[in-house]
Amino acid sequence: MGSPPGQLIGPSPSAVRGIRGISGFSRHGWASNADASSCVKLALALTVHLEIAPEHIDGFKKVMLRHADCSRNEYGCLRFDVLQEADAPNKFTLYEFPQECRRHRGE
């Protein structure tokens, strides 16, 4: 997939060309198909694919570094990784692993 996990997260809106996908998967199946009452049992992972305009890559990475530190220190965030593709340096993948998915439903 490219370079190893970085220390980045949080796009600058003017630098992002598009978000290609967000998904969650659990050991019980896709999160969107899961029974809401069993949500706490899910191993949720959020995945976001970003394509950054080449002239904004350095600024994007600088902002992501600061934001990643804040995100990793949030209550309930087990892990947050940002990967930059080695063969396409303007493409990034963000992975977040929250402790439980209630907070993502606004509870």
N, C-alpha and C. Protein backbone atom coordinates (compact mmCIF):
# COMPACT_ATOMS: atom_id res chain seq x y z
N MET A 1 0.81 -1.19 0.00
CA MET A 1 0.00 0.00 0.00
C MET A 1 0.85 1.24 0.00
N GLY A 2 2.05 1.28 0.08
CA GLY A 2 2.81 2.52 0.12
C GLY A 2 3.65 2.58 1.37
N SER A 3 3.89 3.80 1.82
CA SER A 3 4.76 4.00 2.98
C SER A 3 4.08 3.55 4.26
N PRO A 4 4.87 3.31 5.32
CA PRO A 4 4.29 2.88 6.59
C PRO A 4 3.46 4.00 7.21
N PRO A 5 2.63 3.67 8.24
CA PRO A 5 1.78 4.68 8.84
C PRO A 5 2.56 5.91 9.24
N GLY A 6 1.96 7.07 9.00
CA GLY A 6 2.58 8.33 9.35
C GLY A 6 2.04 8.88 10.65
N GLN A 7 2.24 10.16 10.84
CA GLN A 7 1.80 10.84 12.05
C GLN A 7 0.79 11.92 11.68
N LEU A 8 -0.12 11.64 10.76
CA LEU A 8 -0.95 12.69 10.19
C LEU A 8 -2.44 12.40 10.30
N ILE A 9 -3.29 13.47 10.28
CA ILE A 9 -4.75 13.37 10.14
C ILE A 9 -5.41 14.74 10.07
N GLY A 10 -6.55 14.86 9.37
CA GLY A 10 -7.36 16.06 9.35
C GLY A 10 -7.13 16.94 8.14
N PRO A 11 -7.93 16.80 7.08
CA PRO A 11 -7.67 17.51 5.83
C PRO A 11 -7.95 19.00 5.88
N SER A 12 -7.19 19.75 5.13
CA SER A 12 -7.47 21.16 4.88
C SER A 12 -8.46 21.19 3.72
N PRO A 13 -9.68 21.72 3.91
CA PRO A 13 -10.71 21.62 2.87
C PRO A 13 -10.27 22.08 1.49
N SER A 14 -9.45 23.12 1.39
CA SER A 14 -9.04 23.60 0.07
C SER A 14 -8.03 22.67 -0.59
N ALA A 15 -7.40 21.79 0.18
CA ALA A 15 -6.37 20.91 -0.38
C ALA A 15 -6.92 19.57 -0.83
N VAL A 16 -8.11 19.21 -0.38
CA VAL A 16 -8.66 17.89 -0.67
C VAL A 16 -9.43 17.91 -1.98
N ARG A 17 -9.07 17.01 -2.88
CA ARG A 17 -9.80 16.90 -4.15
C ARG A 17 -11.04 16.04 -4.01
N GLY A 18 -11.00 15.04 -3.16
CA GLY A 18 -12.18 14.20 -3.01
C GLY A 18 -11.97 13.10 -2.00
N ILE A 19 -13.05 12.68 -1.38
CA ILE A 19 -13.03 11.54 -0.47
C ILE A 19 -13.66 10.39 -1.22
N ARG A 20 -12.89 9.30 -1.38
CA ARG A 20 -13.36 8.20 -2.21
C ARG A 20 -14.17 7.17 -1.44
N GLY A 21 -14.07 7.12 -0.12
CA GLY A 21 -14.86 6.13 0.59
C GLY A 21 -14.68 6.17 2.08
N ILE A 22 -15.76 5.83 2.78
CA ILE A 22 -15.74 5.67 4.22
C ILE A 22 -16.46 4.38 4.52
N SER A 23 -15.86 3.50 5.30
CA SER A 23 -16.50 2.23 5.60
C SER A 23 -16.15 1.76 6.99
N GLY A 24 -17.00 0.92 7.53
CA GLY A 24 -16.73 0.32 8.82
C GLY A 24 -16.97 -1.17 8.74
N PHE A 25 -16.12 -1.95 9.34
CA PHE A 25 -16.26 -3.40 9.30
C PHE A 25 -16.08 -3.96 10.70
N SER A 26 -16.85 -4.95 11.02
CA SER A 26 -16.73 -5.59 12.32
C SER A 26 -16.59 -7.09 12.13
N ARG A 27 -16.30 -7.78 13.22
CA ARG A 27 -16.22 -9.23 13.13
C ARG A 27 -17.60 -9.83 12.88
N HIS A 28 -18.66 -9.03 13.06
CA HIS A 28 -20.03 -9.48 12.83
C HIS A 28 -20.53 -9.14 11.43
N GLY A 29 -19.79 -8.37 10.67
CA GLY A 29 -20.22 -7.95 9.34
C GLY A 29 -20.06 -6.45 9.19
N TRP A 30 -20.50 -5.92 8.06
CA TRP A 30 -20.39 -4.49 7.83
C TRP A 30 -21.21 -3.73 8.84
N ALA A 31 -20.67 -2.65 9.36
CA ALA A 31 -21.33 -1.89 10.42
C ALA A 31 -22.69 -1.38 9.99
N SER A 32 -22.86 -1.03 8.73
CA SER A 32 -24.15 -0.52 8.28
C SER A 32 -25.23 -1.58 8.33
N ASN A 33 -24.87 -2.85 8.36
CA ASN A 33 -25.84 -3.94 8.43
C ASN A 33 -26.03 -4.46 9.85
N ALA A 34 -25.29 -3.93 10.80
CA ALA A 34 -25.33 -4.44 12.17
C ALA A 34 -26.54 -3.91 12.91
N ASP A 35 -27.04 -4.69 13.84
CA ASP A 35 -28.12 -4.29 14.73
C ASP A 35 -27.58 -3.19 15.65
N ALA A 36 -28.30 -2.07 15.75
CA ALA A 36 -27.82 -0.94 16.55
C ALA A 36 -27.61 -1.32 18.01
N SER A 37 -28.39 -2.28 18.53
CA SER A 37 -28.24 -2.67 19.92
C SER A 37 -26.93 -3.40 20.18
N SER A 38 -26.31 -3.95 19.13
CA SER A 38 -25.04 -4.66 19.31
C SER A 38 -23.85 -3.81 18.89
N CYS A 39 -24.09 -2.52 18.69
CA CYS A 39 -23.05 -1.64 18.17
C CYS A 39 -21.80 -1.61 19.04
N VAL A 40 -21.95 -1.67 20.35
CA VAL A 40 -20.80 -1.60 21.25
C VAL A 40 -19.87 -2.78 21.03
N LYS A 41 -20.38 -3.90 20.54
CA LYS A 41 -19.58 -5.09 20.32
C LYS A 41 -18.78 -5.03 19.02
N LEU A 42 -19.07 -4.06 18.18
CA LEU A 42 -18.41 -3.98 16.89
C LEU A 42 -16.97 -3.50 17.01
N ALA A 43 -16.14 -4.03 16.15
CA ALA A 43 -14.78 -3.52 16.01
C ALA A 43 -14.80 -2.60 14.80
N LEU A 44 -15.11 -1.37 15.02
CA LEU A 44 -15.31 -0.40 13.95
C LEU A 44 -13.99 0.20 13.49
N ALA A 45 -13.82 0.30 12.20
CA ALA A 45 -12.66 0.98 11.63
C ALA A 45 -13.17 1.93 10.56
N LEU A 46 -12.80 3.18 10.66
CA LEU A 46 -13.17 4.18 9.65
C LEU A 46 -12.00 4.35 8.70
N THR A 47 -12.31 4.30 7.42
CA THR A 47 -11.27 4.43 6.39
C THR A 47 -11.67 5.56 5.45
N VAL A 48 -10.74 6.47 5.21
CA VAL A 48 -10.98 7.59 4.30
C VAL A 48 -9.83 7.65 3.31
N HIS A 49 -10.15 7.75 2.02
CA HIS A 49 -9.15 7.88 0.97
C HIS A 49 -9.19 9.32 0.47
N LEU A 50 -8.04 9.97 0.42
CA LEU A 50 -7.94 11.36 -0.01
C LEU A 50 -6.95 11.51 -1.15
N GLU A 51 -7.28 12.40 -2.06
CA GLU A 51 -6.35 12.79 -3.12
C GLU A 51 -6.12 14.28 -2.97
N ILE A 52 -4.90 14.67 -2.68
CA ILE A 52 -4.54 16.05 -2.38
C ILE A 52 -3.92 16.70 -3.62
N ALA A 53 -4.31 17.94 -3.89
CA ALA A 53 -3.71 18.68 -4.99
C ALA A 53 -2.20 18.76 -4.74
N PRO A 54 -1.38 18.46 -5.74
CA PRO A 54 0.08 18.41 -5.55
C PRO A 54 0.68 19.65 -4.88
N GLU A 55 0.16 20.82 -5.19
CA GLU A 55 0.72 22.05 -4.60
C GLU A 55 0.37 22.21 -3.12
N HIS A 56 -0.52 21.37 -2.58
CA HIS A 56 -0.94 21.47 -1.18
C HIS A 56 -0.43 20.32 -0.31
N ILE A 57 0.36 19.40 -0.86
CA ILE A 57 0.81 18.23 -0.10
C ILE A 57 1.59 18.62 1.16
N ASP A 58 2.56 19.51 1.04
CA ASP A 58 3.37 19.89 2.21
C ASP A 58 2.52 20.53 3.30
N GLY A 59 1.63 21.43 2.93
CA GLY A 59 0.74 22.07 3.90
C GLY A 59 -0.21 21.08 4.54
N PHE A 60 -0.73 20.16 3.73
CA PHE A 60 -1.63 19.11 4.22
C PHE A 60 -0.93 18.27 5.29
N LYS A 61 0.29 17.85 5.00
CA LYS A 61 1.03 17.00 5.94
C LYS A 61 1.33 17.76 7.24
N LYS A 62 1.65 19.04 7.15
CA LYS A 62 1.94 19.84 8.34
C LYS A 62 0.71 19.94 9.24
N VAL A 63 -0.45 20.21 8.65
CA VAL A 63 -1.69 20.30 9.41
C VAL A 63 -2.07 18.94 9.99
N MET A 64 -1.88 17.89 9.21
CA MET A 64 -2.22 16.54 9.66
C MET A 64 -1.41 16.11 10.87
N LEU A 65 -0.15 16.50 10.92
CA LEU A 65 0.71 16.13 12.04
C LEU A 65 0.17 16.68 13.35
N ARG A 66 -0.22 17.95 13.34
CA ARG A 66 -0.79 18.56 14.55
C ARG A 66 -2.13 17.92 14.91
N HIS A 67 -2.97 17.74 13.91
CA HIS A 67 -4.30 17.19 14.15
C HIS A 67 -4.24 15.72 14.60
N ALA A 68 -3.29 14.97 14.08
CA ALA A 68 -3.14 13.56 14.46
C ALA A 68 -2.83 13.44 15.94
N ASP A 69 -1.95 14.28 16.44
CA ASP A 69 -1.63 14.24 17.86
C ASP A 69 -2.88 14.50 18.71
N CYS A 70 -3.68 15.47 18.31
CA CYS A 70 -4.91 15.77 19.05
C CYS A 70 -5.88 14.59 18.97
N SER A 71 -6.06 14.02 17.80
CA SER A 71 -6.99 12.90 17.62
C SER A 71 -6.58 11.69 18.43
N ARG A 72 -5.30 11.39 18.44
CA ARG A 72 -4.81 10.22 19.19
C ARG A 72 -4.98 10.39 20.69
N ASN A 73 -5.04 11.63 21.16
CA ASN A 73 -5.21 11.89 22.59
C ASN A 73 -6.67 12.01 23.00
N GLU A 74 -7.60 11.93 22.04
CA GLU A 74 -9.02 11.98 22.36
C GLU A 74 -9.44 10.71 23.09
N TYR A 75 -10.36 10.87 24.03
CA TYR A 75 -10.90 9.71 24.74
C TYR A 75 -11.57 8.77 23.73
N GLY A 76 -11.26 7.51 23.80
CA GLY A 76 -11.90 6.52 22.95
C GLY A 76 -11.21 6.25 21.62
N CYS A 77 -10.18 6.99 21.30
CA CYS A 77 -9.45 6.73 20.05
C CYS A 77 -8.35 5.72 20.35
N LEU A 78 -8.50 4.51 19.81
CA LEU A 78 -7.52 3.47 20.04
C LEU A 78 -6.30 3.63 19.14
N ARG A 79 -6.55 4.09 17.91
CA ARG A 79 -5.46 4.22 16.95
C ARG A 79 -5.90 5.12 15.81
N PHE A 80 -4.96 5.87 15.28
CA PHE A 80 -5.22 6.71 14.11
C PHE A 80 -3.97 6.70 13.25
N ASP A 81 -4.10 6.24 12.03
CA ASP A 81 -2.96 6.16 11.11
C ASP A 81 -3.26 6.93 9.83
N VAL A 82 -2.22 7.50 9.27
CA VAL A 82 -2.30 8.14 7.96
C VAL A 82 -1.20 7.54 7.10
N LEU A 83 -1.58 7.02 5.95
CA LEU A 83 -0.61 6.45 5.03
C LEU A 83 -0.54 7.29 3.77
N GLN A 84 0.66 7.51 3.28
CA GLN A 84 0.89 8.21 2.02
C GLN A 84 1.41 7.19 1.03
N GLU A 85 0.77 7.08 -0.12
CA GLU A 85 1.18 6.09 -1.11
C GLU A 85 2.54 6.46 -1.69
N ALA A 86 3.45 5.50 -1.72
CA ALA A 86 4.80 5.74 -2.23
C ALA A 86 4.81 6.03 -3.72
N ASP A 87 3.96 5.35 -4.48
CA ASP A 87 3.96 5.54 -5.93
C ASP A 87 3.00 6.64 -6.40
N ALA A 88 2.23 7.22 -5.48
CA ALA A 88 1.33 8.33 -5.78
C ALA A 88 1.30 9.23 -4.54
N PRO A 89 2.32 10.08 -4.36
CA PRO A 89 2.47 10.84 -3.12
C PRO A 89 1.35 11.84 -2.82
N ASN A 90 0.43 12.05 -3.75
CA ASN A 90 -0.70 12.94 -3.47
C ASN A 90 -1.91 12.16 -2.95
N LYS A 91 -1.76 10.84 -2.77
CA LYS A 91 -2.87 10.01 -2.26
C LYS A 91 -2.57 9.56 -0.84
N PHE A 92 -3.57 9.73 0.03
CA PHE A 92 -3.45 9.40 1.44
C PHE A 92 -4.63 8.52 1.85
N THR A 93 -4.39 7.67 2.83
CA THR A 93 -5.45 6.87 3.43
C THR A 93 -5.40 7.09 4.93
N LEU A 94 -6.56 7.43 5.52
CA LEU A 94 -6.67 7.64 6.96
C LEU A 94 -7.42 6.46 7.56
N TYR A 95 -6.93 5.95 8.68
CA TYR A 95 -7.59 4.87 9.41
C TYR A 95 -7.80 5.33 10.85
N GLU A 96 -9.04 5.19 11.34
CA GLU A 96 -9.33 5.49 12.74
C GLU A 96 -9.99 4.27 13.36
N PHE A 97 -9.54 3.93 14.55
CA PHE A 97 -10.09 2.79 15.28
C PHE A 97 -10.62 3.31 16.62
N PRO A 98 -11.93 3.65 16.68
CA PRO A 98 -12.50 4.13 17.94
C PRO A 98 -12.78 2.96 18.89
N GLN A 99 -12.85 3.27 20.17
CA GLN A 99 -13.11 2.25 21.18
C GLN A 99 -14.49 1.63 20.98
N GLU A 100 -15.48 2.44 20.67
CA GLU A 100 -16.82 1.94 20.40
C GLU A 100 -17.48 2.89 19.42
N CYS A 101 -18.56 2.43 18.79
CA CYS A 101 -19.15 3.25 17.73
C CYS A 101 -20.27 4.15 18.23
N ARG A 102 -20.63 4.12 19.50
CA ARG A 102 -21.67 5.01 20.01
C ARG A 102 -21.36 6.47 19.72
N ARG A 103 -20.11 6.85 19.94
CA ARG A 103 -19.76 8.26 19.77
C ARG A 103 -19.92 8.69 18.31
N HIS A 104 -19.82 7.77 17.36
CA HIS A 104 -19.98 8.11 15.95
C HIS A 104 -21.45 8.19 15.56
N ARG A 105 -22.35 7.75 16.44
CA ARG A 105 -23.78 7.89 16.21
C ARG A 105 -24.32 9.10 16.96
N GLY A 106 -23.46 9.82 17.67
CA GLY A 106 -23.88 11.02 18.38
C GLY A 106 -24.48 10.75 19.75
N GLU A 107 -24.24 9.59 20.33
CA GLU A 107 -24.79 9.27 21.66
C GLU A 107 -23.84 9.73 22.75
